[in-house]
Amino acid sequence: MAKGRASSKRRSAAQREWARAVARASAAWEYLSDEQRLLWNVAAKTWRMSGQRYFVKINARRLREGQDLLTEPPKAVRYDPKRVLKRLVITNQRGRIVLKLKVSPVPGARYTVWGSLPCSQGVSRCYNCPRLGALPAPVGGWSDITGLYFRKHGDYIVEHEVPVIGKRIYIRVRQERDDGPALYEEVRAVVPAPEGERE
């Protein structure tokens, strides 16, 4: 029962964050000029929705990621299928677990990171990878996502004494495009024993 309640709280926090972004975007629609609304209504026909709904959909995602509001519809951008997520490396030095992603993101593009709780190595696919946040800027081709990961899952891991060592973690990244998010890219790695304590 406690596990279910904790899971609901995690979902509720994400839902509240999204609801705030939707509310801000909805309020912003009221301040658009008639010409701007017309542009959104025309662009929205491609997606078979109203201009207001399209405006809110695009801008709620941008506001949640800390981006500026768009007052005109985004221009279509050609999708680049090149993979940006290379691998996940997890280290464990003296009990300090660090997660880093080897990435080569497109300059100027926005990416979000999504991650699972530690899973059994017998799990071949994980379907529950909640959003962790924006991908940190890479340094030397590596993005340290340790803070993002434990801000999302740390309390739950401690409270429920979730085993971490020897468990597999799934991480995904997704490019957040104004004309719709790209597909997820996924990597996974096993949490090692502390250095010097490997079996």
N, C-alpha and C. Protein backbone atom coordinates (compact mmCIF):
# COMPACT_ATOMS: atom_id res chain seq x y z
N MET A 1 0.84 -1.21 0.00
CA MET A 1 0.00 0.00 0.00
C MET A 1 0.86 1.25 0.00
N ALA A 2 1.90 1.27 0.84
CA ALA A 2 2.77 2.45 0.92
C ALA A 2 3.45 2.70 -0.41
N LYS A 3 3.80 1.60 -1.11
CA LYS A 3 4.47 1.75 -2.39
C LYS A 3 3.55 2.43 -3.39
N GLY A 4 2.27 2.05 -3.41
CA GLY A 4 1.31 2.66 -4.32
C GLY A 4 1.12 4.13 -4.03
N ARG A 5 1.06 4.47 -2.72
CA ARG A 5 0.87 5.89 -2.36
C ARG A 5 2.06 6.71 -2.79
N ALA A 6 3.27 6.19 -2.60
CA ALA A 6 4.48 6.94 -2.99
C ALA A 6 4.51 7.14 -4.49
N SER A 7 4.11 6.08 -5.23
CA SER A 7 4.09 6.19 -6.69
C SER A 7 3.11 7.26 -7.13
N SER A 8 1.95 7.32 -6.46
CA SER A 8 0.96 8.33 -6.80
C SER A 8 1.49 9.72 -6.53
N LYS A 9 2.24 9.89 -5.44
CA LYS A 9 2.79 11.20 -5.11
C LYS A 9 3.77 11.64 -6.18
N ARG A 10 4.59 10.71 -6.68
CA ARG A 10 5.56 11.06 -7.73
C ARG A 10 4.83 11.49 -8.99
N ARG A 11 3.77 10.77 -9.35
CA ARG A 11 3.00 11.14 -10.53
C ARG A 11 2.31 12.48 -10.33
N SER A 12 1.78 12.69 -9.14
CA SER A 12 1.08 13.93 -8.86
C SER A 12 1.99 15.14 -8.99
N ALA A 13 3.23 15.02 -8.56
CA ALA A 13 4.17 16.15 -8.68
C ALA A 13 4.39 16.49 -10.14
N ALA A 14 4.55 15.49 -11.00
CA ALA A 14 4.74 15.74 -12.43
C ALA A 14 3.47 16.32 -13.03
N GLN A 15 2.33 15.81 -12.60
CA GLN A 15 1.06 16.30 -13.12
C GLN A 15 0.83 17.75 -12.71
N ARG A 16 1.20 18.08 -11.48
CA ARG A 16 1.03 19.47 -11.03
C ARG A 16 1.93 20.41 -11.82
N GLU A 17 3.15 19.96 -12.10
CA GLU A 17 4.07 20.78 -12.88
C GLU A 17 3.51 21.02 -14.28
N TRP A 18 2.97 19.96 -14.88
CA TRP A 18 2.39 20.09 -16.22
C TRP A 18 1.14 20.98 -16.19
N ALA A 19 0.31 20.82 -15.16
CA ALA A 19 -0.91 21.63 -15.05
C ALA A 19 -0.58 23.12 -14.94
N ARG A 20 0.48 23.45 -14.21
CA ARG A 20 0.89 24.85 -14.09
C ARG A 20 1.32 25.40 -15.44
N ALA A 21 2.06 24.59 -16.20
CA ALA A 21 2.52 25.03 -17.52
C ALA A 21 1.33 25.22 -18.46
N VAL A 22 0.36 24.32 -18.40
CA VAL A 22 -0.84 24.43 -19.24
C VAL A 22 -1.63 25.68 -18.88
N ALA A 23 -1.75 25.95 -17.58
CA ALA A 23 -2.49 27.13 -17.14
C ALA A 23 -1.82 28.42 -17.62
N ARG A 24 -0.50 28.47 -17.54
CA ARG A 24 0.23 29.66 -18.00
C ARG A 24 0.07 29.84 -19.51
N ALA A 25 0.16 28.74 -20.26
CA ALA A 25 0.01 28.83 -21.71
C ALA A 25 -1.42 29.23 -22.08
N SER A 26 -2.39 28.68 -21.39
CA SER A 26 -3.80 29.02 -21.66
C SER A 26 -4.06 30.50 -21.42
N ALA A 27 -3.48 31.02 -20.33
CA ALA A 27 -3.66 32.44 -20.02
C ALA A 27 -2.99 33.31 -21.09
N ALA A 28 -1.86 32.86 -21.62
CA ALA A 28 -1.13 33.64 -22.62
C ALA A 28 -1.91 33.76 -23.92
N TRP A 29 -2.72 32.77 -24.24
CA TRP A 29 -3.53 32.80 -25.47
C TRP A 29 -4.40 34.06 -25.51
N GLU A 30 -4.90 34.47 -24.35
CA GLU A 30 -5.79 35.63 -24.27
C GLU A 30 -5.10 36.93 -24.68
N TYR A 31 -3.78 36.96 -24.64
CA TYR A 31 -3.05 38.19 -24.95
C TYR A 31 -2.55 38.26 -26.38
N LEU A 32 -2.84 37.22 -27.18
CA LEU A 32 -2.42 37.24 -28.57
C LEU A 32 -3.28 38.20 -29.38
N SER A 33 -2.71 38.74 -30.43
CA SER A 33 -3.49 39.59 -31.33
C SER A 33 -4.36 38.71 -32.23
N ASP A 34 -5.34 39.31 -32.89
CA ASP A 34 -6.20 38.54 -33.81
C ASP A 34 -5.37 37.91 -34.92
N GLU A 35 -4.36 38.63 -35.41
CA GLU A 35 -3.50 38.10 -36.47
C GLU A 35 -2.73 36.87 -35.99
N GLN A 36 -2.23 36.94 -34.77
CA GLN A 36 -1.49 35.81 -34.23
C GLN A 36 -2.39 34.59 -34.03
N ARG A 37 -3.60 34.83 -33.55
CA ARG A 37 -4.54 33.72 -33.36
C ARG A 37 -4.90 33.08 -34.70
N LEU A 38 -5.04 33.90 -35.72
CA LEU A 38 -5.34 33.37 -37.05
C LEU A 38 -4.23 32.45 -37.53
N LEU A 39 -2.98 32.85 -37.30
CA LEU A 39 -1.84 32.01 -37.70
C LEU A 39 -1.89 30.66 -36.98
N TRP A 40 -2.21 30.67 -35.71
CA TRP A 40 -2.28 29.42 -34.95
C TRP A 40 -3.44 28.55 -35.43
N ASN A 41 -4.56 29.18 -35.75
CA ASN A 41 -5.72 28.42 -36.23
C ASN A 41 -5.42 27.74 -37.57
N VAL A 42 -4.72 28.45 -38.44
CA VAL A 42 -4.37 27.88 -39.75
C VAL A 42 -3.38 26.72 -39.56
N ALA A 43 -2.35 26.93 -38.74
CA ALA A 43 -1.34 25.89 -38.52
C ALA A 43 -1.94 24.67 -37.85
N ALA A 44 -2.94 24.88 -37.01
CA ALA A 44 -3.52 23.77 -36.25
C ALA A 44 -4.34 22.83 -37.12
N LYS A 45 -4.76 23.28 -38.29
CA LYS A 45 -5.56 22.42 -39.17
C LYS A 45 -4.80 21.16 -39.57
N THR A 46 -3.49 21.28 -39.68
CA THR A 46 -2.66 20.12 -40.02
C THR A 46 -2.80 19.02 -38.97
N TRP A 47 -3.00 19.45 -37.73
CA TRP A 47 -3.07 18.50 -36.61
C TRP A 47 -4.52 18.21 -36.19
N ARG A 48 -5.47 18.78 -36.93
CA ARG A 48 -6.90 18.57 -36.67
C ARG A 48 -7.27 18.94 -35.24
N MET A 49 -6.85 20.14 -34.86
CA MET A 49 -7.22 20.66 -33.55
C MET A 49 -7.41 22.16 -33.66
N SER A 50 -7.92 22.77 -32.61
CA SER A 50 -8.12 24.22 -32.63
C SER A 50 -6.78 24.94 -32.48
N GLY A 51 -6.75 26.20 -32.90
CA GLY A 51 -5.54 26.99 -32.76
C GLY A 51 -5.15 27.16 -31.31
N GLN A 52 -6.14 27.34 -30.45
CA GLN A 52 -5.84 27.52 -29.03
C GLN A 52 -5.24 26.26 -28.43
N ARG A 53 -5.80 25.11 -28.78
CA ARG A 53 -5.27 23.86 -28.25
C ARG A 53 -3.85 23.62 -28.74
N TYR A 54 -3.59 23.93 -29.99
CA TYR A 54 -2.25 23.77 -30.55
C TYR A 54 -1.26 24.70 -29.87
N PHE A 55 -1.69 25.94 -29.65
CA PHE A 55 -0.85 26.94 -28.97
C PHE A 55 -0.48 26.46 -27.56
N VAL A 56 -1.48 25.98 -26.83
CA VAL A 56 -1.25 25.52 -25.46
C VAL A 56 -0.34 24.28 -25.45
N LYS A 57 -0.58 23.36 -26.38
CA LYS A 57 0.23 22.14 -26.45
C LYS A 57 1.71 22.47 -26.67
N ILE A 58 1.98 23.36 -27.62
CA ILE A 58 3.36 23.73 -27.93
C ILE A 58 3.99 24.49 -26.77
N ASN A 59 3.27 25.48 -26.27
CA ASN A 59 3.87 26.37 -25.27
C ASN A 59 3.91 25.80 -23.86
N ALA A 60 3.00 24.92 -23.51
CA ALA A 60 3.07 24.30 -22.18
C ALA A 60 4.37 23.49 -22.06
N ARG A 61 4.70 22.78 -23.13
CA ARG A 61 5.94 22.00 -23.11
C ARG A 61 7.15 22.92 -23.01
N ARG A 62 7.13 24.03 -23.75
CA ARG A 62 8.25 24.98 -23.70
C ARG A 62 8.37 25.62 -22.32
N LEU A 63 7.26 26.02 -21.74
CA LEU A 63 7.30 26.67 -20.43
C LEU A 63 7.79 25.71 -19.35
N ARG A 64 7.37 24.45 -19.45
CA ARG A 64 7.83 23.47 -18.47
C ARG A 64 9.34 23.28 -18.54
N GLU A 65 9.89 23.44 -19.74
CA GLU A 65 11.34 23.27 -19.92
C GLU A 65 12.11 24.59 -19.74
N GLY A 66 11.40 25.67 -19.34
CA GLY A 66 12.08 26.94 -19.09
C GLY A 66 12.37 27.73 -20.35
N GLN A 67 11.65 27.42 -21.44
CA GLN A 67 11.86 28.13 -22.70
C GLN A 67 10.89 29.31 -22.81
N ASP A 68 11.19 30.21 -23.75
CA ASP A 68 10.32 31.36 -24.00
C ASP A 68 9.03 30.92 -24.69
N LEU A 69 7.99 31.69 -24.50
CA LEU A 69 6.70 31.45 -25.13
C LEU A 69 6.78 31.80 -26.61
N LEU A 70 6.17 30.97 -27.45
CA LEU A 70 6.08 31.28 -28.88
C LEU A 70 4.76 31.98 -29.16
N THR A 71 4.81 33.13 -29.79
CA THR A 71 3.57 33.84 -30.15
C THR A 71 3.12 33.51 -31.57
N GLU A 72 3.99 32.86 -32.34
CA GLU A 72 3.63 32.42 -33.69
C GLU A 72 3.95 30.94 -33.81
N PRO A 73 3.23 30.21 -34.65
CA PRO A 73 3.45 28.76 -34.77
C PRO A 73 4.88 28.44 -35.18
N PRO A 74 5.42 27.33 -34.67
CA PRO A 74 6.78 26.94 -35.03
C PRO A 74 6.87 26.49 -36.48
N LYS A 75 8.00 26.74 -37.08
CA LYS A 75 8.22 26.28 -38.45
C LYS A 75 8.60 24.80 -38.39
N ALA A 76 8.15 24.04 -39.36
CA ALA A 76 8.47 22.62 -39.42
C ALA A 76 9.97 22.45 -39.59
N VAL A 77 10.54 21.55 -38.81
CA VAL A 77 11.97 21.27 -38.87
C VAL A 77 12.17 19.83 -39.33
N ARG A 78 13.05 19.65 -40.27
CA ARG A 78 13.30 18.31 -40.77
C ARG A 78 13.92 17.46 -39.67
N TYR A 79 13.38 16.28 -39.49
CA TYR A 79 13.87 15.40 -38.43
C TYR A 79 15.20 14.77 -38.83
N ASP A 80 16.16 14.84 -37.93
CA ASP A 80 17.47 14.23 -38.15
C ASP A 80 17.50 12.91 -37.38
N PRO A 81 17.53 11.78 -38.09
CA PRO A 81 17.48 10.48 -37.41
C PRO A 81 18.79 10.07 -36.73
N LYS A 82 19.81 10.91 -36.83
CA LYS A 82 21.10 10.57 -36.23
C LYS A 82 20.95 10.36 -34.72
N ARG A 83 21.49 9.27 -34.22
CA ARG A 83 21.38 8.96 -32.79
C ARG A 83 22.33 9.84 -31.99
N VAL A 84 21.81 10.47 -30.93
CA VAL A 84 22.64 11.35 -30.11
C VAL A 84 23.07 10.68 -28.80
N LEU A 85 22.33 9.66 -28.37
CA LEU A 85 22.62 8.97 -27.11
C LEU A 85 23.50 7.75 -27.39
N LYS A 86 24.73 7.78 -26.90
CA LYS A 86 25.68 6.72 -27.19
C LYS A 86 25.67 5.61 -26.13
N ARG A 87 25.81 6.01 -24.87
CA ARG A 87 25.80 4.99 -23.81
C ARG A 87 25.64 5.61 -22.44
N LEU A 88 25.33 4.75 -21.48
CA LEU A 88 25.20 5.12 -20.07
C LEU A 88 26.30 4.43 -19.30
N VAL A 89 27.02 5.19 -18.49
CA VAL A 89 28.05 4.61 -17.63
C VAL A 89 27.68 4.92 -16.18
N ILE A 90 27.65 3.87 -15.36
CA ILE A 90 27.35 4.03 -13.93
C ILE A 90 28.59 3.61 -13.15
N THR A 91 29.06 4.50 -12.29
CA THR A 91 30.21 4.16 -11.43
C THR A 91 29.77 4.18 -9.97
N ASN A 92 30.54 3.49 -9.16
CA ASN A 92 30.23 3.39 -7.74
C ASN A 92 31.54 3.43 -6.96
N GLN A 93 31.93 4.63 -6.57
CA GLN A 93 33.17 4.80 -5.83
C GLN A 93 32.85 5.09 -4.36
N ARG A 94 33.20 4.14 -3.51
CA ARG A 94 32.97 4.27 -2.07
C ARG A 94 31.49 4.53 -1.76
N GLY A 95 30.62 3.89 -2.52
CA GLY A 95 29.20 4.03 -2.28
C GLY A 95 28.56 5.23 -2.94
N ARG A 96 29.35 6.06 -3.61
CA ARG A 96 28.80 7.21 -4.32
C ARG A 96 28.54 6.81 -5.77
N ILE A 97 27.26 6.68 -6.10
CA ILE A 97 26.86 6.25 -7.44
C ILE A 97 26.73 7.46 -8.35
N VAL A 98 27.33 7.39 -9.52
CA VAL A 98 27.30 8.47 -10.50
C VAL A 98 26.81 7.92 -11.83
N LEU A 99 25.87 8.63 -12.45
CA LEU A 99 25.35 8.24 -13.76
C LEU A 99 25.73 9.30 -14.78
N LYS A 100 26.38 8.87 -15.86
CA LYS A 100 26.76 9.79 -16.93
C LYS A 100 26.36 9.23 -18.28
N LEU A 101 25.91 10.14 -19.15
CA LEU A 101 25.52 9.77 -20.50
C LEU A 101 26.55 10.27 -21.50
N LYS A 102 26.95 9.40 -22.41
CA LYS A 102 27.79 9.80 -23.53
C LYS A 102 26.84 10.27 -24.62
N VAL A 103 26.91 11.56 -24.96
CA VAL A 103 25.96 12.13 -25.91
C VAL A 103 26.66 13.02 -26.94
N SER A 104 25.98 13.18 -28.07
CA SER A 104 26.44 14.15 -29.07
C SER A 104 25.21 14.88 -29.58
N PRO A 105 24.63 15.75 -28.74
CA PRO A 105 23.38 16.42 -29.11
C PRO A 105 23.55 17.45 -30.22
N VAL A 106 22.45 17.70 -30.93
CA VAL A 106 22.44 18.72 -31.97
C VAL A 106 22.53 20.09 -31.29
N PRO A 107 23.47 20.95 -31.70
CA PRO A 107 23.60 22.27 -31.07
C PRO A 107 22.29 23.06 -31.13
N GLY A 108 21.91 23.62 -30.01
CA GLY A 108 20.70 24.44 -29.96
C GLY A 108 19.42 23.67 -29.74
N ALA A 109 19.46 22.34 -29.84
CA ALA A 109 18.25 21.54 -29.65
C ALA A 109 18.02 21.31 -28.15
N ARG A 110 16.76 21.08 -27.78
CA ARG A 110 16.39 20.82 -26.40
C ARG A 110 16.15 19.32 -26.21
N TYR A 111 16.71 18.78 -25.13
CA TYR A 111 16.54 17.35 -24.84
C TYR A 111 16.08 17.17 -23.40
N THR A 112 15.24 16.17 -23.20
CA THR A 112 14.84 15.80 -21.85
C THR A 112 15.36 14.39 -21.56
N VAL A 113 15.53 14.11 -20.26
CA VAL A 113 16.02 12.81 -19.80
C VAL A 113 14.92 12.11 -19.03
N TRP A 114 14.80 10.80 -19.23
CA TRP A 114 13.78 9.98 -18.58
C TRP A 114 14.48 8.77 -17.99
N GLY A 115 14.09 8.32 -16.80
CA GLY A 115 14.82 7.22 -16.19
C GLY A 115 13.97 6.33 -15.30
N SER A 116 14.30 5.05 -15.29
CA SER A 116 13.57 4.07 -14.49
C SER A 116 14.17 3.94 -13.09
N LEU A 117 13.40 3.37 -12.19
CA LEU A 117 13.94 2.91 -10.92
C LEU A 117 14.85 1.72 -11.21
N PRO A 118 15.73 1.34 -10.29
CA PRO A 118 16.56 0.15 -10.51
C PRO A 118 15.68 -1.08 -10.74
N CYS A 119 15.99 -1.83 -11.81
CA CYS A 119 15.20 -3.01 -12.20
C CYS A 119 16.04 -4.26 -12.10
N SER A 120 15.36 -5.38 -12.00
CA SER A 120 16.04 -6.67 -12.05
C SER A 120 16.73 -6.82 -13.40
N GLN A 121 17.89 -7.48 -13.41
CA GLN A 121 18.58 -7.71 -14.68
C GLN A 121 17.78 -8.64 -15.59
N GLY A 122 16.81 -9.33 -15.02
CA GLY A 122 15.95 -10.21 -15.82
C GLY A 122 14.91 -9.45 -16.62
N VAL A 123 14.74 -8.16 -16.32
CA VAL A 123 13.77 -7.35 -17.06
C VAL A 123 14.42 -6.89 -18.36
N SER A 124 13.88 -7.35 -19.48
CA SER A 124 14.49 -7.03 -20.78
C SER A 124 14.00 -5.70 -21.33
N ARG A 125 12.88 -5.20 -20.81
CA ARG A 125 12.37 -3.91 -21.28
C ARG A 125 11.63 -3.24 -20.14
N CYS A 126 11.87 -1.95 -19.96
CA CYS A 126 11.21 -1.20 -18.89
C CYS A 126 10.22 -0.22 -19.51
N TYR A 127 8.99 -0.27 -19.03
CA TYR A 127 7.95 0.60 -19.58
C TYR A 127 7.69 1.82 -18.70
N ASN A 128 8.28 1.86 -17.53
CA ASN A 128 8.04 2.99 -16.61
C ASN A 128 9.31 3.81 -16.44
N CYS A 129 9.47 4.79 -17.31
CA CYS A 129 10.64 5.69 -17.25
C CYS A 129 10.13 7.12 -17.14
N PRO A 130 9.88 7.61 -15.94
CA PRO A 130 9.36 8.98 -15.79
C PRO A 130 10.41 10.03 -16.18
N ARG A 131 9.91 11.20 -16.47
CA ARG A 131 10.76 12.33 -16.87
C ARG A 131 11.61 12.78 -15.69
N LEU A 132 12.92 12.95 -15.92
CA LEU A 132 13.82 13.44 -14.88
C LEU A 132 14.06 14.93 -14.99
N GLY A 133 14.04 15.45 -16.22
CA GLY A 133 14.28 16.88 -16.43
C GLY A 133 15.05 17.12 -17.71
N ALA A 134 15.53 18.35 -17.87
CA ALA A 134 16.29 18.72 -19.06
C ALA A 134 17.67 18.09 -19.03
N LEU A 135 18.15 17.67 -20.19
CA LEU A 135 19.49 17.07 -20.28
C LEU A 135 20.54 18.13 -19.93
N PRO A 136 21.40 17.85 -18.94
CA PRO A 136 22.47 18.81 -18.61
C PRO A 136 23.43 18.98 -19.78
N ALA A 137 23.97 20.17 -19.93
CA ALA A 137 24.92 20.43 -21.01
C ALA A 137 26.11 19.49 -20.87
N PRO A 138 26.48 18.80 -21.94
CA PRO A 138 27.61 17.87 -21.84
C PRO A 138 28.95 18.57 -21.67
N VAL A 139 29.82 17.95 -20.93
CA VAL A 139 31.19 18.44 -20.75
C VAL A 139 32.11 17.34 -21.29
N GLY A 140 32.81 17.66 -22.35
CA GLY A 140 33.66 16.65 -22.98
C GLY A 140 32.87 15.48 -23.54
N GLY A 141 31.63 15.76 -23.94
CA GLY A 141 30.79 14.71 -24.51
C GLY A 141 30.01 13.90 -23.50
N TRP A 142 30.14 14.24 -22.20
CA TRP A 142 29.43 13.50 -21.16
C TRP A 142 28.49 14.42 -20.38
N SER A 143 27.26 13.96 -20.19
CA SER A 143 26.28 14.68 -19.36
C SER A 143 26.10 13.93 -18.05
N ASP A 144 26.35 14.60 -16.95
CA ASP A 144 26.18 14.00 -15.63
C ASP A 144 24.71 14.15 -15.22
N ILE A 145 24.01 13.03 -15.13
CA ILE A 145 22.58 13.06 -14.78
C ILE A 145 22.34 12.54 -13.35
N THR A 146 23.40 12.45 -12.56
CA THR A 146 23.27 11.93 -11.20
C THR A 146 22.26 12.73 -10.38
N GLY A 147 22.39 14.05 -10.40
CA GLY A 147 21.49 14.90 -9.63
C GLY A 147 20.05 14.75 -10.08
N LEU A 148 19.82 14.73 -11.40
CA LEU A 148 18.47 14.57 -11.93
C LEU A 148 17.87 13.24 -11.46
N TYR A 149 18.69 12.19 -11.56
CA TYR A 149 18.18 10.86 -11.24
C TYR A 149 17.77 10.73 -9.77
N PHE A 150 18.64 11.17 -8.88
CA PHE A 150 18.34 10.99 -7.46
C PHE A 150 17.35 12.02 -6.92
N ARG A 151 17.20 13.15 -7.58
CA ARG A 151 16.12 14.07 -7.20
C ARG A 151 14.76 13.43 -7.47
N LYS A 152 14.70 12.66 -8.55
CA LYS A 152 13.44 12.00 -8.90
C LYS A 152 13.20 10.74 -8.09
N HIS A 153 14.22 9.89 -7.97
CA HIS A 153 14.03 8.56 -7.40
C HIS A 153 14.66 8.35 -6.02
N GLY A 154 15.52 9.27 -5.57
CA GLY A 154 16.27 9.05 -4.34
C GLY A 154 15.42 8.78 -3.11
N ASP A 155 14.42 9.62 -2.86
CA ASP A 155 13.58 9.45 -1.68
C ASP A 155 12.87 8.10 -1.69
N TYR A 156 12.37 7.73 -2.87
CA TYR A 156 11.65 6.46 -2.98
C TYR A 156 12.59 5.28 -2.71
N ILE A 157 13.80 5.35 -3.27
CA ILE A 157 14.79 4.28 -3.09
C ILE A 157 15.12 4.11 -1.61
N VAL A 158 15.31 5.24 -0.91
CA VAL A 158 15.65 5.17 0.52
C VAL A 158 14.45 4.70 1.34
N GLU A 159 13.29 5.30 1.10
CA GLU A 159 12.10 4.99 1.90
C GLU A 159 11.70 3.53 1.78
N HIS A 160 11.83 2.98 0.57
CA HIS A 160 11.38 1.60 0.34
C HIS A 160 12.53 0.60 0.28
N GLU A 161 13.73 1.10 0.64
CA GLU A 161 14.91 0.24 0.69
C GLU A 161 15.06 -0.57 -0.60
N VAL A 162 14.93 0.14 -1.72
CA VAL A 162 15.05 -0.51 -3.04
C VAL A 162 16.50 -0.91 -3.27
N PRO A 163 16.76 -2.18 -3.56
CA PRO A 163 18.15 -2.60 -3.85
C PRO A 163 18.66 -1.87 -5.10
N VAL A 164 19.89 -1.44 -5.06
CA VAL A 164 20.47 -0.71 -6.18
C VAL A 164 21.63 -1.49 -6.82
N ILE A 165 22.50 -2.02 -5.99
CA ILE A 165 23.67 -2.74 -6.50
C ILE A 165 23.22 -3.97 -7.31
N GLY A 166 23.79 -4.11 -8.49
CA GLY A 166 23.45 -5.25 -9.35
C GLY A 166 22.15 -5.10 -10.10
N LYS A 167 21.50 -3.94 -9.95
CA LYS A 167 20.24 -3.70 -10.66
C LYS A 167 20.51 -2.89 -11.94
N ARG A 168 19.61 -3.03 -12.88
CA ARG A 168 19.75 -2.34 -14.16
C ARG A 168 18.91 -1.08 -14.17
N ILE A 169 19.46 0.00 -14.71
CA ILE A 169 18.74 1.26 -14.84
C ILE A 169 18.61 1.59 -16.33
N TYR A 170 17.41 1.95 -16.72
CA TYR A 170 17.13 2.35 -18.10
C TYR A 170 17.06 3.88 -18.15
N ILE A 171 17.74 4.46 -19.11
CA ILE A 171 17.70 5.90 -19.31
C ILE A 171 17.33 6.20 -20.76
N ARG A 172 16.47 7.18 -20.93
CA ARG A 172 16.06 7.61 -22.27
C ARG A 172 16.30 9.10 -22.43
N VAL A 173 16.53 9.53 -23.64
CA VAL A 173 16.54 10.96 -23.94
C VAL A 173 15.59 11.18 -25.11
N ARG A 174 15.06 12.39 -25.18
CA ARG A 174 14.13 12.74 -26.26
C ARG A 174 14.35 14.19 -26.65
N GLN A 175 14.45 14.43 -27.93
CA GLN A 175 14.55 15.82 -28.39
C GLN A 175 13.17 16.45 -28.34
N GLU A 176 13.09 17.60 -27.69
CA GLU A 176 11.81 18.31 -27.57
C GLU A 176 11.71 19.33 -28.69
N ARG A 177 10.96 18.98 -29.70
CA ARG A 177 10.79 19.85 -30.88
C ARG A 177 9.46 20.57 -30.78
N ASP A 178 9.43 21.81 -31.24
CA ASP A 178 8.19 22.57 -31.17
C ASP A 178 7.09 21.98 -32.04
N ASP A 179 7.48 21.26 -33.10
CA ASP A 179 6.47 20.64 -33.95
C ASP A 179 6.18 19.19 -33.52
N GLY A 180 6.58 18.87 -32.31
CA GLY A 180 6.32 17.53 -31.76
C GLY A 180 7.61 16.86 -31.36
N PRO A 181 7.62 16.16 -30.21
CA PRO A 181 8.86 15.53 -29.74
C PRO A 181 9.31 14.41 -30.66
N ALA A 182 10.63 14.21 -30.71
CA ALA A 182 11.19 13.11 -31.48
C ALA A 182 11.03 11.81 -30.70
N LEU A 183 11.46 10.71 -31.30
CA LEU A 183 11.37 9.42 -30.64
C LEU A 183 12.40 9.31 -29.51
N TYR A 184 12.08 8.48 -28.54
CA TYR A 184 13.03 8.23 -27.45
C TYR A 184 14.24 7.45 -27.96
N GLU A 185 15.38 7.73 -27.37
CA GLU A 185 16.56 6.89 -27.53
C GLU A 185 16.83 6.31 -26.15
N GLU A 186 17.21 5.04 -26.09
CA GLU A 186 17.34 4.37 -24.80
C GLU A 186 18.69 3.66 -24.65
N VAL A 187 19.23 3.74 -23.44
CA VAL A 187 20.41 2.97 -23.06
C VAL A 187 20.15 2.38 -21.68
N ARG A 188 20.98 1.45 -21.28
CA ARG A 188 20.81 0.85 -19.96
C ARG A 188 22.17 0.40 -19.45
N ALA A 189 22.27 0.29 -18.13
CA ALA A 189 23.52 -0.18 -17.52
C ALA A 189 23.19 -0.72 -16.13
N VAL A 190 24.09 -1.57 -15.64
CA VAL A 190 23.91 -2.18 -14.31
C VAL A 190 24.73 -1.41 -13.29
N VAL A 191 24.15 -1.19 -12.12
CA VAL A 191 24.86 -0.50 -11.04
C VAL A 191 25.90 -1.45 -10.45
N PRO A 192 27.18 -1.10 -10.50
CA PRO A 192 28.22 -2.00 -9.99
C PRO A 192 28.33 -1.92 -8.46
N ALA A 193 29.00 -2.91 -7.91
CA ALA A 193 29.34 -2.88 -6.48
C ALA A 193 30.38 -1.79 -6.27
N PRO A 194 30.53 -1.28 -5.05
CA PRO A 194 31.55 -0.27 -4.81
C PRO A 194 32.92 -0.79 -5.22
N GLU A 195 33.76 0.11 -5.70
CA GLU A 195 35.10 -0.28 -6.14
C GLU A 195 35.83 -1.05 -5.05
N GLY A 196 36.44 -2.18 -5.46
CA GLY A 196 37.14 -3.01 -4.50
C GLY A 196 36.29 -4.06 -3.83
N GLU A 197 34.94 -4.01 -4.14
CA GLU A 197 34.03 -4.98 -3.54
C GLU A 197 33.31 -5.81 -4.59
N ARG A 198 33.85 -5.83 -5.80
CA ARG A 198 33.19 -6.58 -6.87
C ARG A 198 33.34 -8.08 -6.59
N GLU A 199 32.28 -8.78 -7.01
CA GLU A 199 32.30 -10.23 -6.79
C GLU A 199 33.23 -10.90 -7.79
